[in-house]
Amino acid sequence: MNVLLTGLLGAGMLLGVTAPFRLDEAGGVGGLRFGEPAGPGVVLTSRFNGVGKRWRTTTLYSRPGDTTRLGGLGAPDAYWFRANRFIGIDKMLSSPGAIQQAYQLLTAQYGPARPDTVPDSWYWLGQRSYILLEKTDKKRGFLFIASLGMLNEQVHETAVRARARRLLGWRPDSLGLPRQYPNR
């Protein structure tokens, strides 16, 4: 459990919960800081670069020999970079037990989750970053630990995006892509 909490302490996620320090102050995962390019000595292997406007600016990487551990859930599956700057990680959770374990650890650290607009999805929102836990089907789910910049990658309007706009003034960025929801 301490390994997940240590990894999540770098995620930037504390709002109103007592912890050793505010997560937003650390702002990163696996030794990478949100909003910055990968530093020297960080080995990244291109994992995915899709087709379409979104993928002109976003690339997913893996880290060979990654020692980052997320509370017994294993290393992140992908490190997301947008405009060559680190914005977050994702981790596929391949069992209902892993989803439940992640939910319990996150709730213990950050308090009750807020339900997202997508069924079986929960989030914890900080000042500059967030955690999103999604159950994608009966057996699998995804964990995202990310900066608010990762909200640009969400295809659908979600509760965490709406709350970040309302409470934090977050707006989709201007990397030359049309806004997903231009009237908001």
Protein backbone atom coordinates (compact mmCIF):
# COMPACT_ATOMS: atom_id res chain seq x y z
CA MET A 1 0.00 0.00 0.00
CA ASN A 2 2.84 2.42 0.78
CA VAL A 3 4.18 2.01 -2.73
CA LEU A 4 0.87 3.12 -4.27
CA LEU A 5 0.60 6.01 -1.86
CA THR A 6 4.17 7.07 -2.64
CA GLY A 7 3.41 6.92 -6.36
CA LEU A 8 0.18 8.80 -5.86
CA LEU A 9 1.84 11.42 -3.69
CA GLY A 10 3.59 12.47 -6.88
CA ALA A 11 0.29 12.66 -8.70
CA GLY A 12 -0.79 15.99 -7.29
CA MET A 13 -4.11 14.97 -5.85
CA LEU A 14 -4.96 16.17 -2.37
CA LEU A 15 -8.00 18.32 -1.64
CA GLY A 16 -9.09 18.61 1.98
CA VAL A 17 -7.48 15.38 3.22
CA THR A 18 -4.60 15.37 5.69
CA ALA A 19 -1.44 13.81 4.26
CA PRO A 20 2.33 14.21 4.68
CA PHE A 21 2.34 16.94 2.00
CA ARG A 22 0.09 18.33 -0.71
CA LEU A 23 0.25 16.18 -3.78
CA ASP A 24 -0.01 19.09 -6.18
CA GLU A 25 3.37 20.27 -4.94
CA ALA A 26 5.15 17.17 -6.28
CA GLY A 27 3.27 16.98 -9.58
CA GLY A 28 4.42 13.85 -11.36
CA VAL A 29 4.67 10.07 -11.51
CA GLY A 30 7.66 7.77 -11.80
CA GLY A 31 10.21 10.55 -11.55
CA LEU A 32 8.63 12.52 -14.41
CA ARG A 33 7.15 15.93 -13.66
CA PHE A 34 3.87 17.02 -15.20
CA GLY A 35 4.20 19.64 -17.92
CA GLU A 36 7.88 18.97 -18.56
CA PRO A 37 9.73 16.95 -21.19
CA ALA A 38 11.39 13.72 -20.09
CA GLY A 39 14.73 14.48 -18.45
CA PRO A 40 18.09 13.02 -19.36
CA GLY A 41 18.47 9.41 -18.36
CA VAL A 42 14.75 8.64 -18.76
CA VAL A 43 14.43 5.90 -21.35
CA LEU A 44 11.10 5.90 -23.18
CA THR A 45 10.01 3.61 -25.99
CA SER A 46 7.28 4.77 -28.34
CA ARG A 47 4.24 2.61 -27.65
CA PHE A 48 1.44 4.20 -29.63
CA ASN A 49 0.93 7.10 -31.96
CA GLY A 50 -2.53 6.88 -33.53
CA VAL A 51 -4.24 8.46 -36.49
CA GLY A 52 -6.23 11.69 -36.40
CA LYS A 53 -5.90 15.22 -35.07
CA ARG A 54 -5.49 14.16 -31.46
CA TRP A 55 -2.50 11.97 -32.24
CA ARG A 56 -0.60 14.75 -34.03
CA THR A 57 0.28 16.11 -30.61
CA THR A 58 0.02 13.06 -28.32
CA THR A 59 2.34 10.06 -28.03
CA LEU A 60 2.23 7.16 -25.58
CA TYR A 61 5.45 5.62 -24.31
CA SER A 62 6.49 2.65 -22.20
CA ARG A 63 9.55 2.54 -19.96
CA PRO A 64 11.68 -0.58 -20.27
CA GLY A 65 12.61 -1.85 -16.82
CA ASP A 66 10.20 0.57 -15.16
CA THR A 67 10.45 0.27 -11.38
CA THR A 68 7.44 2.50 -10.67
CA ARG A 69 4.89 0.44 -8.75
CA LEU A 70 1.34 1.44 -8.05
CA GLY A 71 0.46 -0.29 -4.78
CA GLY A 72 0.94 -3.82 -6.02
CA LEU A 73 -0.83 -3.03 -9.30
CA GLY A 74 2.42 -3.00 -11.26
CA ALA A 75 4.12 -0.38 -13.38
CA PRO A 76 2.14 2.06 -15.54
CA ASP A 77 1.28 0.72 -18.98
CA ALA A 78 1.72 4.02 -20.77
CA TYR A 79 3.25 7.41 -20.14
CA TRP A 80 1.34 10.09 -22.03
CA PHE A 81 3.13 13.06 -23.61
CA ARG A 82 1.28 15.92 -25.30
CA ALA A 83 3.34 18.39 -27.32
CA ASN A 84 6.40 16.54 -25.95
CA ARG A 85 5.44 17.29 -22.33
CA PHE A 86 4.48 14.67 -19.75
CA ILE A 87 0.77 14.76 -18.89
CA GLY A 88 0.04 11.42 -17.17
CA ILE A 89 0.01 7.65 -16.99
CA ASP A 90 -2.48 4.89 -17.45
CA LYS A 91 -2.60 1.41 -15.98
CA MET A 92 -4.91 -1.36 -17.13
CA LEU A 93 -6.40 -3.26 -14.22
CA SER A 94 -7.05 -6.79 -15.41
CA SER A 95 -9.24 -8.12 -12.62
CA PRO A 96 -12.15 -7.01 -10.43
CA GLY A 97 -9.83 -7.48 -7.45
CA ALA A 98 -7.31 -5.00 -8.85
CA ILE A 99 -10.07 -2.44 -9.47
CA GLN A 100 -11.34 -2.89 -5.91
CA GLN A 101 -7.80 -2.69 -4.51
CA ALA A 102 -7.15 0.57 -6.37
CA TYR A 103 -10.49 2.01 -5.24
CA GLN A 104 -9.83 1.13 -1.59
CA LEU A 105 -6.29 2.54 -1.63
CA LEU A 106 -7.37 5.76 -3.32
CA THR A 107 -10.32 6.20 -0.96
CA ALA A 108 -8.07 5.63 2.06
CA GLN A 109 -5.64 8.29 0.82
CA TYR A 110 -7.98 10.90 -0.69
CA GLY A 111 -11.38 10.28 0.84
CA PRO A 112 -14.57 9.37 -0.97
CA ALA A 113 -14.43 9.43 -4.75
CA ARG A 114 -16.77 11.48 -6.86
CA PRO A 115 -18.72 9.46 -9.43
CA ASP A 116 -18.01 10.41 -13.02
CA THR A 117 -20.63 10.76 -15.74
CA VAL A 118 -19.46 7.49 -17.26
CA PRO A 119 -20.97 4.54 -15.32
CA ASP A 120 -18.53 2.74 -12.98
CA SER A 121 -16.01 5.60 -13.07
CA TRP A 122 -14.72 7.59 -10.12
CA TYR A 123 -12.34 10.51 -9.78
CA TRP A 124 -10.32 12.52 -7.28
CA LEU A 125 -9.52 16.10 -8.35
CA GLY A 126 -6.61 18.20 -7.10
CA GLN A 127 -5.63 21.75 -7.98
CA ARG A 128 -3.38 20.76 -10.93
CA SER A 129 -3.96 17.05 -11.40
CA TYR A 130 -6.47 14.24 -11.00
CA ILE A 131 -6.91 10.50 -10.68
CA LEU A 132 -9.56 8.67 -12.67
CA LEU A 133 -10.54 5.06 -12.03
CA GLU A 134 -12.77 3.41 -14.65
CA LYS A 135 -14.33 -0.03 -14.77
CA THR A 136 -14.49 -0.77 -18.51
CA ASP A 137 -16.29 -4.13 -18.31
CA LYS A 138 -16.99 -6.85 -15.74
CA LYS A 139 -13.33 -7.83 -15.46
CA ARG A 140 -11.16 -4.86 -16.46
CA GLY A 141 -10.60 -1.24 -15.69
CA PHE A 142 -8.17 1.64 -16.10
CA LEU A 143 -6.37 3.90 -13.67
CA PHE A 144 -5.22 7.33 -14.86
CA ILE A 145 -2.95 9.58 -12.79
CA ALA A 146 -2.54 12.81 -14.67
CA SER A 147 -2.15 16.54 -14.84
CA LEU A 148 -5.14 18.64 -15.84
CA GLY A 149 -3.55 18.69 -19.30
CA MET A 150 -4.68 15.08 -19.71
CA LEU A 151 -8.30 16.29 -19.59
CA ASN A 152 -7.69 17.40 -23.19
CA GLU A 153 -7.38 13.72 -24.11
CA GLN A 154 -10.84 12.75 -22.87
CA VAL A 155 -13.13 12.23 -25.84
CA HIS A 156 -16.39 12.63 -23.92
CA GLU A 157 -17.46 15.36 -21.59
CA THR A 158 -17.03 14.01 -18.08
CA ALA A 159 -17.78 15.15 -14.57
CA VAL A 160 -14.09 15.63 -13.79
CA ARG A 161 -13.68 17.93 -16.83
CA ALA A 162 -16.78 19.92 -15.89
CA ARG A 163 -15.67 20.24 -12.26
CA ALA A 164 -12.14 21.30 -13.29
CA ARG A 165 -13.66 24.01 -15.49
CA ARG A 166 -16.08 25.19 -12.82
CA LEU A 167 -13.79 25.11 -9.77
CA LEU A 168 -10.33 25.56 -11.22
CA GLY A 169 -10.96 27.56 -14.40
CA TRP A 170 -9.45 24.81 -16.55
CA ARG A 171 -10.01 25.20 -20.30
CA PRO A 172 -9.03 22.96 -23.20
CA ASP A 173 -5.61 23.97 -24.49
CA SER A 174 -4.80 25.60 -27.78
CA LEU A 175 -2.42 23.26 -29.58
CA GLY A 176 -4.11 24.07 -32.88
CA LEU A 177 -6.89 21.57 -32.30
CA PRO A 178 -10.52 22.64 -32.31
CA ARG A 179 -12.11 22.65 -28.87
CA GLN A 180 -14.15 19.54 -28.26
CA TYR A 181 -16.93 21.61 -26.71
CA PRO A 182 -16.51 25.10 -28.21
CA ASN A 183 -19.62 26.59 -26.57
CA ARG A 184 -18.41 26.01 -23.01
